[in-house]
Amino acid sequence: MTQAVLLIAHGSRRQEANQDLVEIASLLRDRREYPIIEPSYLELADPTIPEGARLCVEQGATEVFMLPYFLSAGAHVTSDLEDFRQELSSSYPGVTFKVCPHLGLHPLMIEIVLARLREGAGQ
């Protein structure tokens, strides 16, 4: 199986805000743990989720991990992404699409929060 990561953020009209996901994709590529990594956006920016999935499939992906780059499990994470997963599975019957857990309350998140607090305090 050729695995791919489809990073999914909300998307913004501000290109600078969308650039974070592009940077995360680049950093993940540098790690070389997955052969295919594509950023995508739920709305307001390109590539869209279907476009990002198409790019993964065109590069030979047979298993696509849809990673929500979201901090909370709102409607986008709990239902919208599952709807996309079902649509993509129908569009690409030879490819498995899996929605991964969102960033949320991962145990390492507290380290990130503390690091940002230290930055804000000038430490």
PDB file of N, CA and C in Angstrom:
ATOM      1  N   MET A   1       0.834  -1.194   0.000  1.00  0.00           N
ATOM      2  CA  MET A   1       0.000   0.000   0.000  1.00  0.00           C
ATOM      3  C   MET A   1       0.873   1.250   0.000  1.00  0.00           C
ATOM      4  N   THR A   2       0.463   2.228  -0.744  1.00  0.00           N
ATOM      5  CA  THR A   2       1.135   3.515  -0.722  1.00  0.00           C
ATOM      6  C   THR A   2       0.285   4.466   0.103  1.00  0.00           C
ATOM      7  N   GLN A   3       0.850   4.914   1.215  1.00  0.00           N
ATOM      8  CA  GLN A   3       0.107   5.768   2.138  1.00  0.00           C
ATOM      9  C   GLN A   3       0.323   7.241   1.824  1.00  0.00           C
ATOM     10  N   ALA A   4      -0.737   8.003   2.063  1.00  0.00           N
ATOM     11  CA  ALA A   4      -0.676   9.448   1.884  1.00  0.00           C
ATOM     12  C   ALA A   4      -1.312  10.109   3.096  1.00  0.00           C
ATOM     13  N   VAL A   5      -0.889  11.333   3.342  1.00  0.00           N
ATOM     14  CA  VAL A   5      -1.482  12.161   4.381  1.00  0.00           C
ATOM     15  C   VAL A   5      -2.143  13.347   3.692  1.00  0.00           C
ATOM     16  N   LEU A   6      -3.435  13.494   3.951  1.00  0.00           N
ATOM     17  CA  LEU A   6      -4.182  14.650   3.465  1.00  0.00           C
ATOM     18  C   LEU A   6      -4.442  15.534   4.677  1.00  0.00           C
ATOM     19  N   LEU A   7      -3.640  16.587   4.811  1.00  0.00           N
ATOM     20  CA  LEU A   7      -3.814  17.528   5.913  1.00  0.00           C
ATOM     21  C   LEU A   7      -5.006  18.416   5.604  1.00  0.00           C
ATOM     22  N   ILE A   8      -5.861  18.614   6.589  1.00  0.00           N
ATOM     23  CA  ILE A   8      -7.082  19.376   6.347  1.00  0.00           C
ATOM     24  C   ILE A   8      -7.221  20.482   7.390  1.00  0.00           C
ATOM     25  N   ALA A   9      -7.239  21.724   6.916  1.00  0.00           N
ATOM     26  CA  ALA A   9      -7.503  22.877   7.779  1.00  0.00           C
ATOM     27  C   ALA A   9      -8.795  23.534   7.303  1.00  0.00           C
ATOM     28  N   HIS A  10      -9.286  24.460   8.094  1.00  0.00           N
ATOM     29  CA  HIS A  10     -10.536  25.130   7.731  1.00  0.00           C
ATOM     30  C   HIS A  10     -10.382  25.938   6.459  1.00  0.00           C
ATOM     31  N   GLY A  11      -9.324  26.721   6.392  1.00  0.00           N
ATOM     32  CA  GLY A  11      -9.136  27.626   5.258  1.00  0.00           C
ATOM     33  C   GLY A  11      -9.526  29.040   5.636  1.00  0.00           C
ATOM     34  N   SER A  12      -8.860  29.990   5.018  1.00  0.00           N
ATOM     35  CA  SER A  12      -9.087  31.396   5.316  1.00  0.00           C
ATOM     36  C   SER A  12      -8.977  32.209   4.037  1.00  0.00           C
ATOM     37  N   ARG A  13      -9.619  33.364   4.029  1.00  0.00           N
ATOM     38  CA  ARG A  13      -9.450  34.271   2.896  1.00  0.00           C
ATOM     39  C   ARG A  13      -8.051  34.894   2.920  1.00  0.00           C
ATOM     40  N   ARG A  14      -7.417  34.892   4.088  1.00  0.00           N
ATOM     41  CA  ARG A  14      -6.061  35.428   4.238  1.00  0.00           C
ATOM     42  C   ARG A  14      -5.049  34.345   3.898  1.00  0.00           C
ATOM     43  N   GLN A  15      -4.315  34.531   2.825  1.00  0.00           N
ATOM     44  CA  GLN A  15      -3.330  33.543   2.390  1.00  0.00           C
ATOM     45  C   GLN A  15      -2.288  33.256   3.467  1.00  0.00           C
ATOM     46  N   GLU A  16      -1.947  34.288   4.250  1.00  0.00           N
ATOM     47  CA  GLU A  16      -0.956  34.102   5.313  1.00  0.00           C
ATOM     48  C   GLU A  16      -1.436  33.057   6.316  1.00  0.00           C
ATOM     49  N   ALA A  17      -2.727  33.031   6.592  1.00  0.00           N
ATOM     50  CA  ALA A  17      -3.277  32.053   7.537  1.00  0.00           C
ATOM     51  C   ALA A  17      -3.200  30.643   6.958  1.00  0.00           C
ATOM     52  N   ASN A  18      -3.398  30.507   5.678  1.00  0.00           N
ATOM     53  CA  ASN A  18      -3.339  29.192   5.028  1.00  0.00           C
ATOM     54  C   ASN A  18      -1.911  28.661   4.926  1.00  0.00           C
ATOM     55  N   GLN A  19      -0.960  29.555   4.985  1.00  0.00           N
ATOM     56  CA  GLN A  19       0.444  29.169   4.826  1.00  0.00           C
ATOM     57  C   GLN A  19       0.926  28.240   5.935  1.00  0.00           C
ATOM     58  N   ASP A  20       0.318  28.324   7.132  1.00  0.00           N
ATOM     59  CA  ASP A  20       0.717  27.424   8.227  1.00  0.00           C
ATOM     60  C   ASP A  20       0.602  25.964   7.811  1.00  0.00           C
ATOM     61  N   LEU A  21      -0.486  25.614   7.152  1.00  0.00           N
ATOM     62  CA  LEU A  21      -0.692  24.221   6.747  1.00  0.00           C
ATOM     63  C   LEU A  21       0.319  23.803   5.682  1.00  0.00           C
ATOM     64  N   VAL A  22       0.645  24.713   4.795  1.00  0.00           N
ATOM     65  CA  VAL A  22       1.656  24.437   3.773  1.00  0.00           C
ATOM     66  C   VAL A  22       3.004  24.168   4.448  1.00  0.00           C
ATOM     67  N   GLU A  23       3.326  24.948   5.474  1.00  0.00           N
ATOM     68  CA  GLU A  23       4.574  24.753   6.216  1.00  0.00           C
ATOM     69  C   GLU A  23       4.577  23.418   6.954  1.00  0.00           C
ATOM     70  N   ILE A  24       3.457  23.056   7.574  1.00  0.00           N
ATOM     71  CA  ILE A  24       3.355  21.765   8.266  1.00  0.00           C
ATOM     72  C   ILE A  24       3.559  20.633   7.256  1.00  0.00           C
ATOM     73  N   ALA A  25       2.951  20.744   6.092  1.00  0.00           N
ATOM     74  CA  ALA A  25       3.118  19.720   5.055  1.00  0.00           C
ATOM     75  C   ALA A  25       4.589  19.588   4.673  1.00  0.00           C
ATOM     76  N   SER A  26       5.270  20.699   4.527  1.00  0.00           N
ATOM     77  CA  SER A  26       6.680  20.676   4.166  1.00  0.00           C
ATOM     78  C   SER A  26       7.522  20.013   5.258  1.00  0.00           C
ATOM     79  N   LEU A  27       7.244  20.339   6.503  1.00  0.00           N
ATOM     80  CA  LEU A  27       7.984  19.737   7.622  1.00  0.00           C
ATOM     81  C   LEU A  27       7.735  18.233   7.701  1.00  0.00           C
ATOM     82  N   LEU A  28       6.509  17.821   7.438  1.00  0.00           N
ATOM     83  CA  LEU A  28       6.207  16.384   7.428  1.00  0.00           C
ATOM     84  C   LEU A  28       6.928  15.680   6.278  1.00  0.00           C
ATOM     85  N   ARG A  29       6.969  16.306   5.126  1.00  0.00           N
ATOM     86  CA  ARG A  29       7.702  15.718   3.993  1.00  0.00           C
ATOM     87  C   ARG A  29       9.171  15.513   4.357  1.00  0.00           C
ATOM     88  N   ASP A  30       9.738  16.493   5.050  1.00  0.00           N
ATOM     89  CA  ASP A  30      11.150  16.395   5.446  1.00  0.00           C
ATOM     90  C   ASP A  30      11.412  15.186   6.344  1.00  0.00           C
ATOM     91  N   ARG A  31      10.410  14.756   7.090  1.00  0.00           N
ATOM     92  CA  ARG A  31      10.562  13.600   7.987  1.00  0.00           C
ATOM     93  C   ARG A  31      10.570  12.284   7.222  1.00  0.00           C
ATOM     94  N   ARG A  32      10.032  12.268   6.030  1.00  0.00           N
ATOM     95  CA  ARG A  32      10.026  11.101   5.134  1.00  0.00           C
ATOM     96  C   ARG A  32       9.354   9.857   5.734  1.00  0.00           C
ATOM     97  N   GLU A  33       8.337  10.079   6.563  1.00  0.00           N
ATOM     98  CA  GLU A  33       7.605   8.938   7.127  1.00  0.00           C
ATOM     99  C   GLU A  33       6.446   8.505   6.230  1.00  0.00           C
ATOM    100  N   TYR A  34       5.965   9.425   5.406  1.00  0.00           N
ATOM    101  CA  TYR A  34       4.886   9.137   4.456  1.00  0.00           C
ATOM    102  C   TYR A  34       5.327   9.644   3.091  1.00  0.00           C
ATOM    103  N   PRO A  35       5.132   8.851   2.054  1.00  0.00           N
ATOM    104  CA  PRO A  35       5.626   9.252   0.735  1.00  0.00           C
ATOM    105  C   PRO A  35       4.833  10.384   0.082  1.00  0.00           C
ATOM    106  N   ILE A  36       3.588  10.558   0.502  1.00  0.00           N
ATOM    107  CA  ILE A  36       2.737  11.573  -0.128  1.00  0.00           C
ATOM    108  C   ILE A  36       2.083  12.397   0.982  1.00  0.00           C
ATOM    109  N   ILE A  37       2.230  13.707   0.888  1.00  0.00           N
ATOM    110  CA  ILE A  37       1.617  14.606   1.869  1.00  0.00           C
ATOM    111  C   ILE A  37       1.068  15.804   1.117  1.00  0.00           C
ATOM    112  N   GLU A  38      -0.211  16.049   1.287  1.00  0.00           N
ATOM    113  CA  GLU A  38      -0.860  17.167   0.597  1.00  0.00           C
ATOM    114  C   GLU A  38      -1.697  17.986   1.577  1.00  0.00           C
ATOM    115  N   PRO A  39      -1.575  19.310   1.545  1.00  0.00           N
ATOM    116  CA  PRO A  39      -2.476  20.156   2.330  1.00  0.00           C
ATOM    117  C   PRO A  39      -3.794  20.356   1.584  1.00  0.00           C
ATOM    118  N   SER A  40      -4.856  20.586   2.331  1.00  0.00           N
ATOM    119  CA  SER A  40      -6.149  20.889   1.714  1.00  0.00           C
ATOM    120  C   SER A  40      -6.985  21.690   2.702  1.00  0.00           C
ATOM    121  N   TYR A  41      -8.047  22.283   2.175  1.00  0.00           N
ATOM    122  CA  TYR A  41      -8.864  23.177   2.998  1.00  0.00           C
ATOM    123  C   TYR A  41     -10.340  22.848   2.842  1.00  0.00           C
ATOM    124  N   LEU A  42     -11.035  22.963   3.944  1.00  0.00           N
ATOM    125  CA  LEU A  42     -12.465  22.692   3.977  1.00  0.00           C
ATOM    126  C   LEU A  42     -13.237  23.730   3.162  1.00  0.00           C
ATOM    127  N   GLU A  43     -12.829  24.974   3.284  1.00  0.00           N
ATOM    128  CA  GLU A  43     -13.489  26.047   2.527  1.00  0.00           C
ATOM    129  C   GLU A  43     -12.584  27.273   2.464  1.00  0.00           C
ATOM    130  N   LEU A  44     -12.925  28.190   1.620  1.00  0.00           N
ATOM    131  CA  LEU A  44     -12.279  29.496   1.488  1.00  0.00           C
ATOM    132  C   LEU A  44     -10.883  29.494   0.888  1.00  0.00           C
ATOM    133  N   ALA A  45     -10.308  28.331   0.614  1.00  0.00           N
ATOM    134  CA  ALA A  45      -8.953  28.284   0.067  1.00  0.00           C
ATOM    135  C   ALA A  45      -8.775  27.034  -0.787  1.00  0.00           C
ATOM    136  N   ASP A  46      -7.755  27.045  -1.601  1.00  0.00           N
ATOM    137  CA  ASP A  46      -7.419  25.900  -2.448  1.00  0.00           C
ATOM    138  C   ASP A  46      -6.062  25.353  -2.048  1.00  0.00           C
ATOM    139  N   PRO A  47      -5.839  24.085  -2.215  1.00  0.00           N
ATOM    140  CA  PRO A  47      -6.754  23.096  -2.798  1.00  0.00           C
ATOM    141  C   PRO A  47      -7.839  22.671  -1.804  1.00  0.00           C
ATOM    142  N   THR A  48      -8.993  22.352  -2.344  1.00  0.00           N
ATOM    143  CA  THR A  48     -10.085  21.840  -1.533  1.00  0.00           C
ATOM    144  C   THR A  48      -9.773  20.398  -1.123  1.00  0.00           C
ATOM    145  N   ILE A  49     -10.593  19.851  -0.258  1.00  0.00           N
ATOM    146  CA  ILE A  49     -10.394  18.457   0.159  1.00  0.00           C
ATOM    147  C   ILE A  49     -10.467  17.514  -1.047  1.00  0.00           C
ATOM    148  N   PRO A  50     -11.479  17.617  -1.907  1.00  0.00           N
ATOM    149  CA  PRO A  50     -11.491  16.734  -3.086  1.00  0.00           C
ATOM    150  C   PRO A  50     -10.273  16.926  -3.991  1.00  0.00           C
ATOM    151  N   GLU A  51      -9.799  18.169  -4.151  1.00  0.00           N
ATOM    152  CA  GLU A  51      -8.620  18.410  -4.980  1.00  0.00           C
ATOM    153  C   GLU A  51      -7.376  17.795  -4.338  1.00  0.00           C
ATOM    154  N   GLY A  52      -7.229  17.947  -3.029  1.00  0.00           N
ATOM    155  CA  GLY A  52      -6.093  17.354  -2.329  1.00  0.00           C
ATOM    156  C   GLY A  52      -6.118  15.844  -2.407  1.00  0.00           C
ATOM    157  N   ALA A  53      -7.306  15.256  -2.271  1.00  0.00           N
ATOM    158  CA  ALA A  53      -7.438  13.799  -2.385  1.00  0.00           C
ATOM    159  C   ALA A  53      -7.051  13.335  -3.783  1.00  0.00           C
ATOM    160  N   ARG A  54      -7.492  14.071  -4.797  1.00  0.00           N
ATOM    161  CA  ARG A  54      -7.142  13.730  -6.181  1.00  0.00           C
ATOM    162  C   ARG A  54      -5.627  13.750  -6.372  1.00  0.00           C
ATOM    163  N   LEU A  55      -4.961  14.755  -5.794  1.00  0.00           N
ATOM    164  CA  LEU A  55      -3.499  14.828  -5.900  1.00  0.00           C
ATOM    165  C   LEU A  55      -2.840  13.618  -5.239  1.00  0.00           C
ATOM    166  N   CYS A  56      -3.387  13.180  -4.118  1.00  0.00           N
ATOM    167  CA  CYS A  56      -2.850  11.982  -3.447  1.00  0.00           C
ATOM    168  C   CYS A  56      -3.008  10.755  -4.342  1.00  0.00           C
ATOM    169  N   VAL A  57      -4.190  10.585  -4.901  1.00  0.00           N
ATOM    170  CA  VAL A  57      -4.471   9.417  -5.745  1.00  0.00           C
ATOM    171  C   VAL A  57      -3.615   9.452  -7.008  1.00  0.00           C
ATOM    172  N   GLU A  58      -3.466  10.628  -7.605  1.00  0.00           N
ATOM    173  CA  GLU A  58      -2.651  10.747  -8.819  1.00  0.00           C
ATOM    174  C   GLU A  58      -1.190  10.379  -8.570  1.00  0.00           C
ATOM    175  N   GLN A  59      -0.744  10.532  -7.327  1.00  0.00           N
ATOM    176  CA  GLN A  59       0.635  10.178  -6.976  1.00  0.00           C
ATOM    177  C   GLN A  59       0.758   8.715  -6.550  1.00  0.00           C
ATOM    178  N   GLY A  60      -0.350   7.978  -6.639  1.00  0.00           N
ATOM    179  CA  GLY A  60      -0.309   6.550  -6.369  1.00  0.00           C
ATOM    180  C   GLY A  60      -0.800   6.102  -5.009  1.00  0.00           C
ATOM    181  N   ALA A  61      -1.424   6.975  -4.252  1.00  0.00           N
ATOM    182  CA  ALA A  61      -1.907   6.596  -2.924  1.00  0.00           C
ATOM    183  C   ALA A  61      -3.000   5.538  -3.020  1.00  0.00           C
ATOM    184  N   THR A  62      -2.890   4.550  -2.157  1.00  0.00           N
ATOM    185  CA  THR A  62      -3.940   3.536  -2.032  1.00  0.00           C
ATOM    186  C   THR A  62      -4.581   3.599  -0.656  1.00  0.00           C
ATOM    187  N   GLU A  63      -3.970   4.347   0.253  1.00  0.00           N
ATOM    188  CA  GLU A  63      -4.515   4.573   1.596  1.00  0.00           C
ATOM    189  C   GLU A  63      -4.232   6.023   1.959  1.00  0.00           C
ATOM    190  N   VAL A  64      -5.286   6.779   2.261  1.00  0.00           N
ATOM    191  CA  VAL A  64      -5.144   8.204   2.546  1.00  0.00           C
ATOM    192  C   VAL A  64      -5.631   8.475   3.966  1.00  0.00           C
ATOM    193  N   PHE A  65      -4.720   9.022   4.787  1.00  0.00           N
ATOM    194  CA  PHE A  65      -5.063   9.422   6.142  1.00  0.00           C
ATOM    195  C   PHE A  65      -5.467  10.892   6.119  1.00  0.00           C
ATOM    196  N   MET A  66      -6.719  11.152   6.429  1.00  0.00           N
ATOM    197  CA  MET A  66      -7.255  12.505   6.443  1.00  0.00           C
ATOM    198  C   MET A  66      -7.045  13.070   7.846  1.00  0.00           C
ATOM    199  N   LEU A  67      -6.070  13.976   7.999  1.00  0.00           N
ATOM    200  CA  LEU A  67      -5.737  14.502   9.316  1.00  0.00           C
ATOM    201  C   LEU A  67      -6.329  15.895   9.502  1.00  0.00           C
ATOM    202  N   PRO A  68      -7.328  16.024  10.394  1.00  0.00           N
ATOM    203  CA  PRO A  68      -7.923  17.341  10.658  1.00  0.00           C
ATOM    204  C   PRO A  68      -6.983  18.204  11.497  1.00  0.00           C
ATOM    205  N   TYR A  69      -6.526  19.285  10.935  1.00  0.00           N
ATOM    206  CA  TYR A  69      -5.669  20.235  11.635  1.00  0.00           C
ATOM    207  C   TYR A  69      -6.587  21.226  12.363  1.00  0.00           C
ATOM    208  N   PHE A  70      -7.325  20.671  13.335  1.00  0.00           N
ATOM    209  CA  PHE A  70      -8.316  21.409  14.105  1.00  0.00           C
ATOM    210  C   PHE A  70      -8.056  21.171  15.590  1.00  0.00           C
ATOM    211  N   LEU A  71      -8.327  22.181  16.411  1.00  0.00           N
ATOM    212  CA  LEU A  71      -8.140  22.026  17.849  1.00  0.00           C
ATOM    213  C   LEU A  71      -9.354  21.450  18.561  1.00  0.00           C
ATOM    214  N   SER A  72     -10.540  21.634  18.012  1.00  0.00           N
ATOM    215  CA  SER A  72     -11.731  21.111  18.684  1.00  0.00           C
ATOM    216  C   SER A  72     -12.582  20.304  17.714  1.00  0.00           C
ATOM    217  N   ALA A  73     -13.427  19.467  18.298  1.00  0.00           N
ATOM    218  CA  ALA A  73     -14.257  18.562  17.494  1.00  0.00           C
ATOM    219  C   ALA A  73     -15.620  19.186  17.232  1.00  0.00           C
ATOM    220  N   GLY A  74     -15.628  20.247  16.459  1.00  0.00           N
ATOM    221  CA  GLY A  74     -16.888  20.860  16.067  1.00  0.00           C
ATOM    222  C   GLY A  74     -17.525  20.079  14.934  1.00  0.00           C
ATOM    223  N   ALA A  75     -18.537  20.660  14.312  1.00  0.00           N
ATOM    224  CA  ALA A  75     -19.288  19.976  13.255  1.00  0.00           C
ATOM    225  C   ALA A  75     -18.398  19.584  12.075  1.00  0.00           C
ATOM    226  N   HIS A  76     -17.398  20.406  11.765  1.00  0.00           N
ATOM    227  CA  HIS A  76     -16.517  20.062  10.647  1.00  0.00           C
ATOM    228  C   HIS A  76     -15.820  18.728  10.905  1.00  0.00           C
ATOM    229  N   VAL A  77     -15.317  18.553  12.106  1.00  0.00           N
ATOM    230  CA  VAL A  77     -14.570  17.342  12.439  1.00  0.00           C
ATOM    231  C   VAL A  77     -15.508  16.162  12.636  1.00  0.00           C
ATOM    232  N   THR A  78     -16.625  16.378  13.322  1.00  0.00           N
ATOM    233  CA  THR A  78     -17.490  15.255  13.679  1.00  0.00           C
ATOM    234  C   THR A  78     -18.389  14.770  12.548  1.00  0.00           C
ATOM    235  N   SER A  79     -18.742  15.634  11.608  1.00  0.00           N
ATOM    236  CA  SER A  79     -19.632  15.156  10.546  1.00  0.00           C
ATOM    237  C   SER A  79     -19.163  15.510   9.136  1.00  0.00           C
ATOM    238  N   ASP A  80     -18.704  16.732   8.913  1.00  0.00           N
ATOM    239  CA  ASP A  80     -18.326  17.141   7.556  1.00  0.00           C
ATOM    240  C   ASP A  80     -17.214  16.267   6.976  1.00  0.00           C
ATOM    241  N   LEU A  81     -16.200  15.969   7.785  1.00  0.00           N
ATOM    242  CA  LEU A  81     -15.086  15.172   7.255  1.00  0.00           C
ATOM    243  C   LEU A  81     -15.500  13.736   6.966  1.00  0.00           C
ATOM    244  N   GLU A  82     -16.424  13.207   7.749  1.00  0.00           N
ATOM    245  CA  GLU A  82     -16.928  11.861   7.454  1.00  0.00           C
ATOM    246  C   GLU A  82     -17.715  11.876   6.145  1.00  0.00           C
ATOM    247  N   ASP A  83     -18.457  12.943   5.891  1.00  0.00           N
ATOM    248  CA  ASP A  83     -19.169  13.066   4.610  1.00  0.00           C
ATOM    249  C   ASP A  83     -18.166  13.083   3.450  1.00  0.00           C
ATOM    250  N   PHE A  84     -17.087  13.852   3.603  1.00  0.00           N
ATOM    251  CA  PHE A  84     -16.046  13.874   2.568  1.00  0.00           C
ATOM    252  C   PHE A  84     -15.431  12.492   2.401  1.00  0.00           C
ATOM    253  N   ARG A  85     -15.161  11.812   3.507  1.00  0.00           N
ATOM    254  CA  ARG A  85     -14.562  10.482   3.434  1.00  0.00           C
ATOM    255  C   ARG A  85     -15.433   9.540   2.618  1.00  0.00           C
ATOM    256  N   GLN A  86     -16.734   9.574   2.865  1.00  0.00           N
ATOM    257  CA  GLN A  86     -17.650   8.706   2.120  1.00  0.00           C
ATOM    258  C   GLN A  86     -17.675   9.067   0.641  1.00  0.00           C
ATOM    259  N   GLU A  87     -17.711  10.362   0.329  1.00  0.00           N
ATOM    260  CA  GLU A  87     -17.705  10.800  -1.070  1.00  0.00           C
ATOM    261  C   GLU A  87     -16.418  10.368  -1.780  1.00  0.00           C
ATOM    262  N   LEU A  88     -15.285  10.542  -1.101  1.00  0.00           N
ATOM    263  CA  LEU A  88     -14.002  10.182  -1.705  1.00  0.00           C
ATOM    264  C   LEU A  88     -13.884   8.680  -1.901  1.00  0.00           C
ATOM    265  N   SER A  89     -14.391   7.915  -0.938  1.00  0.00           N
ATOM    266  CA  SER A  89     -14.376   6.454  -1.070  1.00  0.00           C
ATOM    267  C   SER A  89     -15.199   6.013  -2.270  1.00  0.00           C
ATOM    268  N   SER A  90     -16.295   6.706  -2.542  1.00  0.00           N
ATOM    269  CA  SER A  90     -17.118   6.390  -3.715  1.00  0.00           C
ATOM    270  C   SER A  90     -16.419   6.800  -5.010  1.00  0.00           C
ATOM    271  N   SER A  91     -15.738   7.942  -4.971  1.00  0.00           N
ATOM    272  CA  SER A  91     -15.055   8.440  -6.168  1.00  0.00           C
ATOM    273  C   SER A  91     -13.825   7.621  -6.526  1.00  0.00           C
ATOM    274  N   TYR A  92     -13.168   7.066  -5.506  1.00  0.00           N
ATOM    275  CA  TYR A  92     -11.936   6.294  -5.712  1.00  0.00           C
ATOM    276  C   TYR A  92     -12.084   4.941  -5.009  1.00  0.00           C
ATOM    277  N   PRO A  93     -12.828   4.012  -5.613  1.00  0.00           N
ATOM    278  CA  PRO A  93     -13.135   2.744  -4.947  1.00  0.00           C
ATOM    279  C   PRO A  93     -11.919   1.884  -4.602  1.00  0.00           C
ATOM    280  N   GLY A  94     -10.793   2.086  -5.253  1.00  0.00           N
ATOM    281  CA  GLY A  94      -9.604   1.297  -4.946  1.00  0.00           C
ATOM    282  C   GLY A  94      -8.730   1.908  -3.858  1.00  0.00           C
ATOM    283  N   VAL A  95      -9.195   3.019  -3.285  1.00  0.00           N
ATOM    284  CA  VAL A  95      -8.401   3.741  -2.289  1.00  0.00           C
ATOM    285  C   VAL A  95      -9.158   3.770  -0.967  1.00  0.00           C
ATOM    286  N   THR A  96      -8.449   3.533   0.122  1.00  0.00           N
ATOM    287  CA  THR A  96      -9.040   3.600   1.459  1.00  0.00           C
ATOM    288  C   THR A  96      -8.789   4.985   2.040  1.00  0.00           C
ATOM    289  N   PHE A  97      -9.839   5.623   2.510  1.00  0.00           N
ATOM    290  CA  PHE A  97      -9.737   6.935   3.157  1.00  0.00           C
ATOM    291  C   PHE A  97     -10.106   6.768   4.623  1.00  0.00           C
ATOM    292  N   LYS A  98      -9.259   7.281   5.511  1.00  0.00           N
ATOM    293  CA  LYS A  98      -9.484   7.180   6.950  1.00  0.00           C
ATOM    294  C   LYS A  98      -9.361   8.555   7.577  1.00  0.00           C
ATOM    295  N   VAL A  99     -10.354   8.941   8.396  1.00  0.00           N
ATOM    296  CA  VAL A  99     -10.285  10.206   9.123  1.00  0.00           C
ATOM    297  C   VAL A  99      -9.547   9.954  10.436  1.00  0.00           C
ATOM    298  N   CYS A 100      -8.476  10.669  10.657  1.00  0.00           N
ATOM    299  CA  CYS A 100      -7.684  10.564  11.885  1.00  0.00           C
ATOM    300  C   CYS A 100      -8.268  11.488  12.961  1.00  0.00           C
ATOM    301  N   PRO A 101      -7.885  11.278  14.214  1.00  0.00           N
ATOM    302  CA  PRO A 101      -8.329  12.204  15.269  1.00  0.00           C
ATOM    303  C   PRO A 101      -7.778  13.607  15.024  1.00  0.00           C
ATOM    304  N   HIS A 102      -8.547  14.615  15.409  1.00  0.00           N
ATOM    305  CA  HIS A 102      -8.092  15.999  15.303  1.00  0.00           C
ATOM    306  C   HIS A 102      -7.021  16.259  16.369  1.00  0.00           C
ATOM    307  N   LEU A 103      -6.356  17.392  16.300  1.00  0.00           N
ATOM    308  CA  LEU A 103      -5.271  17.702  17.223  1.00  0.00           C
ATOM    309  C   LEU A 103      -5.743  17.742  18.672  1.00  0.00           C
ATOM    310  N   GLY A 104      -6.793  18.463  18.923  1.00  0.00           N
ATOM    311  CA  GLY A 104      -7.494  18.492  20.205  1.00  0.00           C
ATOM    312  C   GLY A 104      -6.686  18.357  21.468  1.00  0.00           C
ATOM    313  N   LEU A 105      -7.128  17.450  22.313  1.00  0.00           N
ATOM    314  CA  LEU A 105      -6.542  17.297  23.636  1.00  0.00           C
ATOM    315  C   LEU A 105      -5.453  16.231  23.689  1.00  0.00           C
ATOM    316  N   HIS A 106      -4.639  16.181  22.693  1.00  0.00           N
ATOM    317  CA  HIS A 106      -3.504  15.262  22.701  1.00  0.00           C
ATOM    318  C   HIS A 106      -2.621  15.604  23.910  1.00  0.00           C
ATOM    319  N   PRO A 107      -2.028  14.603  24.556  1.00  0.00           N
ATOM    320  CA  PRO A 107      -1.205  14.871  25.739  1.00  0.00           C
ATOM    321  C   PRO A 107      -0.077  15.889  25.512  1.00  0.00           C
ATOM    322  N   LEU A 108       0.455  15.976  24.311  1.00  0.00           N
ATOM    323  CA  LEU A 108       1.527  16.939  24.055  1.00  0.00           C
ATOM    324  C   LEU A 108       1.011  18.371  23.869  1.00  0.00           C
ATOM    325  N   MET A 109      -0.292  18.543  23.756  1.00  0.00           N
ATOM    326  CA  MET A 109      -0.851  19.879  23.545  1.00  0.00           C
ATOM    327  C   MET A 109      -0.519  20.809  24.715  1.00  0.00           C
ATOM    328  N   ILE A 110      -0.462  20.282  25.939  1.00  0.00           N
ATOM    329  CA  ILE A 110      -0.133  21.127  27.086  1.00  0.00           C
ATOM    330  C   ILE A 110       1.268  21.703  26.958  1.00  0.00           C
ATOM    331  N   GLU A 111       2.175  20.945  26.347  1.00  0.00           N
ATOM    332  CA  GLU A 111       3.530  21.451  26.148  1.00  0.00           C
ATOM    333  C   GLU A 111       3.534  22.631  25.175  1.00  0.00           C
ATOM    334  N   ILE A 112       2.709  22.530  24.170  1.00  0.00           N
ATOM    335  CA  ILE A 112       2.595  23.624  23.202  1.00  0.00           C
ATOM    336  C   ILE A 112       1.999  24.855  23.888  1.00  0.00           C
ATOM    337  N   VAL A 113       0.948  24.654  24.667  1.00  0.00           N
ATOM    338  CA  VAL A 113       0.308  25.765  25.376  1.00  0.00           C
ATOM    339  C   VAL A 113       1.318  26.435  26.312  1.00  0.00           C
ATOM    340  N   LEU A 114       2.049  25.646  27.067  1.00  0.00           N
ATOM    341  CA  LEU A 114       3.048  26.209  27.984  1.00  0.00           C
ATOM    342  C   LEU A 114       4.150  26.948  27.225  1.00  0.00           C
ATOM    343  N   ALA A 115       4.583  26.405  26.107  1.00  0.00           N
ATOM    344  CA  ALA A 115       5.603  27.079  25.298  1.00  0.00           C
ATOM    345  C   ALA A 115       5.106  28.439  24.809  1.00  0.00           C
ATOM    346  N   ARG A 116       3.874  28.490  24.353  1.00  0.00           N
ATOM    347  CA  ARG A 116       3.301  29.764  23.884  1.00  0.00           C
ATOM    348  C   ARG A 116       3.158  30.753  25.041  1.00  0.00           C
ATOM    349  N   LEU A 117       2.770  30.266  26.231  1.00  0.00           N
ATOM    350  CA  LEU A 117       2.674  31.136  27.400  1.00  0.00           C
ATOM    351  C   LEU A 117       4.035  31.712  27.757  1.00  0.00           C
ATOM    352  N   ARG A 118       5.065  30.874  27.685  1.00  0.00           N
ATOM    353  CA  ARG A 118       6.423  31.359  27.973  1.00  0.00           C
ATOM    354  C   ARG A 118       6.851  32.402  26.943  1.00  0.00           C
ATOM    355  N   GLU A 119       6.510  32.167  25.683  1.00  0.00           N
ATOM    356  CA  GLU A 119       6.833  33.157  24.643  1.00  0.00           C
ATOM    357  C   GLU A 119       6.140  34.487  24.928  1.00  0.00           C
ATOM    358  N   GLY A 120       4.868  34.392  25.316  1.00  0.00           N
ATOM    359  CA  GLY A 120       4.105  35.600  25.625  1.00  0.00           C
ATOM    360  C   GLY A 120       4.643  36.342  26.825  1.00  0.00           C
ATOM    361  N   ALA A 121       5.205  35.598  27.793  1.00  0.00           N
ATOM    362  CA  ALA A 121       5.757  36.201  28.998  1.00  0.00           C
ATOM    363  C   ALA A 121       7.199  36.666  28.793  1.00  0.00           C
ATOM    364  N   GLY A 122       7.742  36.380  27.590  1.00  0.00           N
ATOM    365  CA  GLY A 122       9.108  36.798  27.293  1.00  0.00           C
ATOM    366  C   GLY A 122      10.170  35.954  27.943  1.00  0.00           C
ATOM    367  N   GLN A 123       9.848  34.724  28.254  1.00  0.00           N
ATOM    368  CA  GLN A 123      10.822  33.837  28.907  1.00  0.00           C
ATOM    369  C   GLN A 123      11.628  33.067  27.896  1.00  0.00           C
TER     370      GLN A 123
END
